Amino acid sequence: MHFFDEQVRQQGEYESIHRDLDIGFGTWQFDPTEIENPFPENKGSVHIWQGDEDILVPVTLQRYIAQQLPWIKYHELTGGGHMFPYAEGNSDAILKALLLGQS
């Protein structure tokens, strides 16, 4: 069994996908484009990593949010799907970027 198979099922067979769909297609009580920068003095940063082949979270949505909130550092992974963090090397690359302050 692949490592990511266990991760997907750790909360139950369908719980993780259900939560993702609920967030993606549910009604939110706020507009994400109105979120204020939590680090106005640049003491931290907010990153979004998005696979351009994600069939659950539309890449166009993440692109739009990143364009509306210029303080977000947007990273788009060509060929990446919804589970891209579990693909070999991707988690390491994300952690390296965060720890080394790479954009």
N, C-alpha and C. Protein backbone atom coordinates (compact mmCIF):
# COMPACT_ATOMS: atom_id res chain seq x y z
N MET A 1 0.85 -1.19 0.00
CA MET A 1 0.00 0.00 0.00
C MET A 1 0.89 1.25 0.00
N HIS A 2 0.54 2.21 -0.80
CA HIS A 2 1.30 3.45 -0.87
C HIS A 2 1.07 4.27 0.39
N PHE A 3 2.05 5.08 0.74
CA PHE A 3 1.94 5.94 1.92
C PHE A 3 0.71 6.83 1.87
N PHE A 4 0.47 7.44 0.72
CA PHE A 4 -0.64 8.38 0.64
C PHE A 4 -1.99 7.68 0.74
N ASP A 5 -2.07 6.39 0.39
CA ASP A 5 -3.33 5.65 0.55
C ASP A 5 -3.76 5.62 2.01
N GLU A 6 -2.80 5.40 2.90
CA GLU A 6 -3.11 5.39 4.33
C GLU A 6 -3.53 6.77 4.81
N GLN A 7 -2.87 7.81 4.33
CA GLN A 7 -3.19 9.17 4.73
C GLN A 7 -4.61 9.56 4.34
N VAL A 8 -5.02 9.17 3.14
CA VAL A 8 -6.35 9.51 2.64
C VAL A 8 -7.42 8.88 3.51
N ARG A 9 -7.17 7.69 4.00
CA ARG A 9 -8.18 6.94 4.74
C ARG A 9 -8.08 7.08 6.26
N GLN A 10 -7.20 7.90 6.77
CA GLN A 10 -7.01 7.95 8.21
C GLN A 10 -8.22 8.50 8.95
N GLN A 11 -9.08 9.27 8.31
CA GLN A 11 -10.29 9.78 8.95
C GLN A 11 -11.53 9.02 8.48
N GLY A 12 -11.34 7.96 7.77
CA GLY A 12 -12.46 7.20 7.23
C GLY A 12 -12.40 7.21 5.73
N GLU A 13 -13.04 6.24 5.15
CA GLU A 13 -12.97 6.03 3.70
C GLU A 13 -13.36 7.27 2.90
N TYR A 14 -14.40 7.97 3.34
CA TYR A 14 -14.90 9.10 2.55
C TYR A 14 -14.89 10.43 3.29
N GLU A 15 -14.46 10.45 4.53
CA GLU A 15 -14.53 11.68 5.33
C GLU A 15 -13.68 12.80 4.74
N SER A 16 -12.46 12.53 4.35
CA SER A 16 -11.58 13.58 3.83
C SER A 16 -12.13 14.18 2.54
N ILE A 17 -12.57 13.32 1.64
CA ILE A 17 -13.09 13.83 0.37
C ILE A 17 -14.39 14.60 0.61
N HIS A 18 -15.18 14.15 1.57
CA HIS A 18 -16.43 14.84 1.90
C HIS A 18 -16.13 16.25 2.40
N ARG A 19 -15.15 16.38 3.27
CA ARG A 19 -14.79 17.71 3.79
C ARG A 19 -14.29 18.62 2.68
N ASP A 20 -13.47 18.08 1.80
CA ASP A 20 -12.96 18.88 0.69
C ASP A 20 -14.10 19.37 -0.20
N LEU A 21 -15.04 18.48 -0.51
CA LEU A 21 -16.18 18.87 -1.35
C LEU A 21 -17.08 19.87 -0.64
N ASP A 22 -17.26 19.69 0.66
CA ASP A 22 -18.09 20.62 1.43
C ASP A 22 -17.49 22.02 1.41
N ILE A 23 -16.20 22.10 1.56
CA ILE A 23 -15.52 23.40 1.52
C ILE A 23 -15.56 23.98 0.11
N GLY A 24 -15.32 23.14 -0.87
CA GLY A 24 -15.27 23.61 -2.25
C GLY A 24 -16.60 24.05 -2.82
N PHE A 25 -17.68 23.39 -2.39
CA PHE A 25 -18.98 23.67 -3.01
C PHE A 25 -20.02 24.14 -2.01
N GLY A 26 -19.66 24.25 -0.74
CA GLY A 26 -20.61 24.71 0.28
C GLY A 26 -20.70 26.23 0.31
N THR A 27 -21.58 26.71 1.18
CA THR A 27 -21.74 28.15 1.37
C THR A 27 -20.83 28.61 2.50
N TRP A 28 -20.05 29.61 2.23
CA TRP A 28 -19.14 30.15 3.23
C TRP A 28 -19.79 31.36 3.89
N GLN A 29 -19.42 31.63 5.11
CA GLN A 29 -19.97 32.76 5.86
C GLN A 29 -19.13 34.02 5.66
N PHE A 30 -18.17 33.96 4.76
CA PHE A 30 -17.30 35.11 4.51
C PHE A 30 -16.81 35.05 3.06
N ASP A 31 -16.26 36.15 2.61
CA ASP A 31 -15.69 36.22 1.27
C ASP A 31 -14.17 36.08 1.41
N PRO A 32 -13.58 35.01 0.87
CA PRO A 32 -12.14 34.82 1.05
C PRO A 32 -11.28 35.95 0.49
N THR A 33 -11.82 36.71 -0.47
CA THR A 33 -11.02 37.81 -1.03
C THR A 33 -10.98 39.02 -0.11
N GLU A 34 -11.73 38.98 0.98
CA GLU A 34 -11.72 40.09 1.94
C GLU A 34 -10.87 39.80 3.17
N ILE A 35 -10.17 38.68 3.16
CA ILE A 35 -9.30 38.33 4.28
C ILE A 35 -8.13 39.31 4.32
N GLU A 36 -7.82 39.80 5.51
CA GLU A 36 -6.70 40.73 5.67
C GLU A 36 -5.41 39.97 5.92
N ASN A 37 -4.33 40.57 5.51
CA ASN A 37 -3.01 39.98 5.70
C ASN A 37 -2.75 39.78 7.19
N PRO A 38 -2.55 38.52 7.63
CA PRO A 38 -2.28 38.29 9.05
C PRO A 38 -0.86 38.69 9.46
N PHE A 39 -0.04 39.03 8.48
CA PHE A 39 1.35 39.42 8.74
C PHE A 39 1.63 40.77 8.08
N PRO A 40 0.96 41.84 8.52
CA PRO A 40 1.13 43.13 7.83
C PRO A 40 2.55 43.69 7.90
N GLU A 41 3.33 43.25 8.86
CA GLU A 41 4.71 43.73 8.97
C GLU A 41 5.70 42.73 8.39
N ASN A 42 5.20 41.82 7.56
CA ASN A 42 6.02 40.81 6.89
C ASN A 42 6.81 39.93 7.84
N LYS A 43 6.22 39.64 9.02
CA LYS A 43 6.88 38.74 9.97
C LYS A 43 6.52 37.29 9.69
N GLY A 44 5.74 37.05 8.67
CA GLY A 44 5.34 35.71 8.25
C GLY A 44 4.77 35.79 6.86
N SER A 45 4.33 34.66 6.36
CA SER A 45 3.75 34.67 5.02
C SER A 45 2.69 33.57 4.89
N VAL A 46 1.84 33.73 3.91
CA VAL A 46 0.79 32.76 3.61
C VAL A 46 1.06 32.22 2.22
N HIS A 47 1.06 30.91 2.09
CA HIS A 47 1.32 30.26 0.82
C HIS A 47 0.13 29.41 0.42
N ILE A 48 -0.13 29.33 -0.87
CA ILE A 48 -1.09 28.38 -1.43
C ILE A 48 -0.35 27.55 -2.46
N TRP A 49 -0.41 26.24 -2.30
CA TRP A 49 0.11 25.33 -3.30
C TRP A 49 -1.10 24.67 -3.96
N GLN A 50 -1.10 24.66 -5.28
CA GLN A 50 -2.25 24.15 -6.03
C GLN A 50 -1.77 23.35 -7.23
N GLY A 51 -2.29 22.14 -7.38
CA GLY A 51 -2.03 21.35 -8.57
C GLY A 51 -2.94 21.81 -9.70
N ASP A 52 -2.40 22.00 -10.87
CA ASP A 52 -3.22 22.51 -11.98
C ASP A 52 -4.16 21.46 -12.56
N GLU A 53 -4.04 20.21 -12.13
CA GLU A 53 -4.95 19.16 -12.58
C GLU A 53 -5.86 18.68 -11.45
N ASP A 54 -6.01 19.46 -10.41
CA ASP A 54 -6.88 19.12 -9.29
C ASP A 54 -8.33 19.16 -9.77
N ILE A 55 -9.04 18.04 -9.64
CA ILE A 55 -10.43 17.99 -10.10
C ILE A 55 -11.41 18.31 -8.97
N LEU A 56 -10.91 18.50 -7.75
CA LEU A 56 -11.79 18.83 -6.63
C LEU A 56 -11.79 20.32 -6.30
N VAL A 57 -10.63 20.94 -6.35
CA VAL A 57 -10.51 22.37 -6.07
C VAL A 57 -10.07 23.05 -7.38
N PRO A 58 -10.94 23.82 -7.98
CA PRO A 58 -10.60 24.43 -9.28
C PRO A 58 -9.38 25.34 -9.20
N VAL A 59 -8.44 25.12 -10.10
CA VAL A 59 -7.24 25.94 -10.14
C VAL A 59 -7.60 27.40 -10.41
N THR A 60 -8.66 27.63 -11.17
CA THR A 60 -9.06 29.01 -11.46
C THR A 60 -9.49 29.75 -10.19
N LEU A 61 -10.07 29.04 -9.25
CA LEU A 61 -10.46 29.65 -7.98
C LEU A 61 -9.24 30.10 -7.19
N GLN A 62 -8.25 29.24 -7.09
CA GLN A 62 -7.03 29.59 -6.34
C GLN A 62 -6.26 30.71 -7.03
N ARG A 63 -6.22 30.68 -8.35
CA ARG A 63 -5.56 31.77 -9.08
C ARG A 63 -6.24 33.10 -8.80
N TYR A 64 -7.58 33.08 -8.82
CA TYR A 64 -8.35 34.29 -8.58
C TYR A 64 -8.09 34.84 -7.17
N ILE A 65 -8.15 33.97 -6.18
CA ILE A 65 -7.91 34.41 -4.80
C ILE A 65 -6.50 34.98 -4.65
N ALA A 66 -5.52 34.31 -5.24
CA ALA A 66 -4.14 34.80 -5.16
C ALA A 66 -3.98 36.15 -5.85
N GLN A 67 -4.73 36.38 -6.93
CA GLN A 67 -4.66 37.67 -7.61
C GLN A 67 -5.31 38.77 -6.77
N GLN A 68 -6.36 38.43 -6.04
CA GLN A 68 -7.08 39.41 -5.23
C GLN A 68 -6.33 39.74 -3.94
N LEU A 69 -5.53 38.80 -3.47
CA LEU A 69 -4.78 38.99 -2.22
C LEU A 69 -3.29 38.90 -2.53
N PRO A 70 -2.68 40.01 -2.93
CA PRO A 70 -1.29 39.98 -3.39
C PRO A 70 -0.27 39.58 -2.34
N TRP A 71 -0.67 39.53 -1.09
CA TRP A 71 0.26 39.12 -0.03
C TRP A 71 0.38 37.59 0.07
N ILE A 72 -0.45 36.86 -0.69
CA ILE A 72 -0.34 35.40 -0.72
C ILE A 72 0.70 35.00 -1.75
N LYS A 73 1.55 34.06 -1.37
CA LYS A 73 2.53 33.51 -2.30
C LYS A 73 1.90 32.25 -2.91
N TYR A 74 1.66 32.33 -4.20
CA TYR A 74 0.94 31.26 -4.91
C TYR A 74 1.92 30.37 -5.66
N HIS A 75 1.77 29.07 -5.47
CA HIS A 75 2.63 28.08 -6.12
C HIS A 75 1.73 27.11 -6.87
N GLU A 76 1.88 27.04 -8.17
CA GLU A 76 1.07 26.12 -8.97
C GLU A 76 1.96 25.00 -9.51
N LEU A 77 1.54 23.78 -9.26
CA LEU A 77 2.32 22.62 -9.69
C LEU A 77 1.74 22.02 -10.96
N THR A 78 2.50 22.09 -12.02
CA THR A 78 2.09 21.54 -13.31
C THR A 78 1.95 20.03 -13.18
N GLY A 79 0.79 19.54 -13.59
CA GLY A 79 0.53 18.10 -13.54
C GLY A 79 0.10 17.60 -12.19
N GLY A 80 0.01 18.47 -11.20
CA GLY A 80 -0.37 18.07 -9.85
C GLY A 80 -1.87 17.97 -9.69
N GLY A 81 -2.31 16.95 -8.99
CA GLY A 81 -3.72 16.78 -8.68
C GLY A 81 -3.99 17.15 -7.22
N HIS A 82 -5.12 16.70 -6.72
CA HIS A 82 -5.54 17.06 -5.37
C HIS A 82 -4.61 16.49 -4.30
N MET A 83 -4.01 15.35 -4.57
CA MET A 83 -3.16 14.69 -3.58
C MET A 83 -1.68 14.92 -3.84
N PHE A 84 -1.32 15.99 -4.54
CA PHE A 84 0.08 16.23 -4.90
C PHE A 84 1.03 16.27 -3.71
N PRO A 85 0.60 16.71 -2.49
CA PRO A 85 1.57 16.74 -1.40
C PRO A 85 2.12 15.36 -1.05
N TYR A 86 1.38 14.31 -1.39
CA TYR A 86 1.82 12.96 -1.05
C TYR A 86 2.68 12.33 -2.14
N ALA A 87 2.83 12.99 -3.27
CA ALA A 87 3.71 12.48 -4.32
C ALA A 87 5.16 12.65 -3.86
N GLU A 88 5.97 11.74 -4.26
CA GLU A 88 7.36 11.72 -3.80
C GLU A 88 8.08 13.04 -4.03
N GLY A 89 8.65 13.58 -2.97
CA GLY A 89 9.45 14.79 -3.04
C GLY A 89 8.69 16.09 -2.85
N ASN A 90 7.38 16.09 -3.04
CA ASN A 90 6.63 17.34 -2.96
C ASN A 90 6.56 17.90 -1.55
N SER A 91 6.32 17.06 -0.56
CA SER A 91 6.27 17.56 0.82
C SER A 91 7.60 18.15 1.23
N ASP A 92 8.68 17.50 0.83
CA ASP A 92 10.01 18.02 1.15
C ASP A 92 10.24 19.38 0.50
N ALA A 93 9.81 19.52 -0.74
CA ALA A 93 9.99 20.80 -1.45
C ALA A 93 9.18 21.91 -0.79
N ILE A 94 7.97 21.59 -0.35
CA ILE A 94 7.12 22.58 0.32
C ILE A 94 7.76 23.00 1.64
N LEU A 95 8.17 22.06 2.44
CA LEU A 95 8.80 22.38 3.73
C LEU A 95 10.09 23.18 3.53
N LYS A 96 10.87 22.82 2.54
CA LYS A 96 12.11 23.55 2.25
C LYS A 96 11.80 25.00 1.89
N ALA A 97 10.78 25.20 1.06
CA ALA A 97 10.41 26.57 0.67
C ALA A 97 9.95 27.37 1.88
N LEU A 98 9.18 26.75 2.76
CA LEU A 98 8.70 27.46 3.94
C LEU A 98 9.83 27.76 4.92
N LEU A 99 10.66 26.79 5.19
CA LEU A 99 11.73 26.96 6.18
C LEU A 99 12.84 27.90 5.72
N LEU A 100 13.09 27.90 4.42
CA LEU A 100 14.14 28.76 3.88
C LEU A 100 13.61 30.12 3.40
N GLY A 101 12.29 30.32 3.52
CA GLY A 101 11.71 31.59 3.13
C GLY A 101 11.71 31.83 1.63
N GLN A 102 11.67 30.75 0.86
CA GLN A 102 11.64 30.90 -0.59
C GLN A 102 10.24 31.23 -1.05
N SER A 103 10.13 32.01 -2.10
CA SER A 103 8.79 32.37 -2.60
C SER A 103 8.37 31.48 -3.73
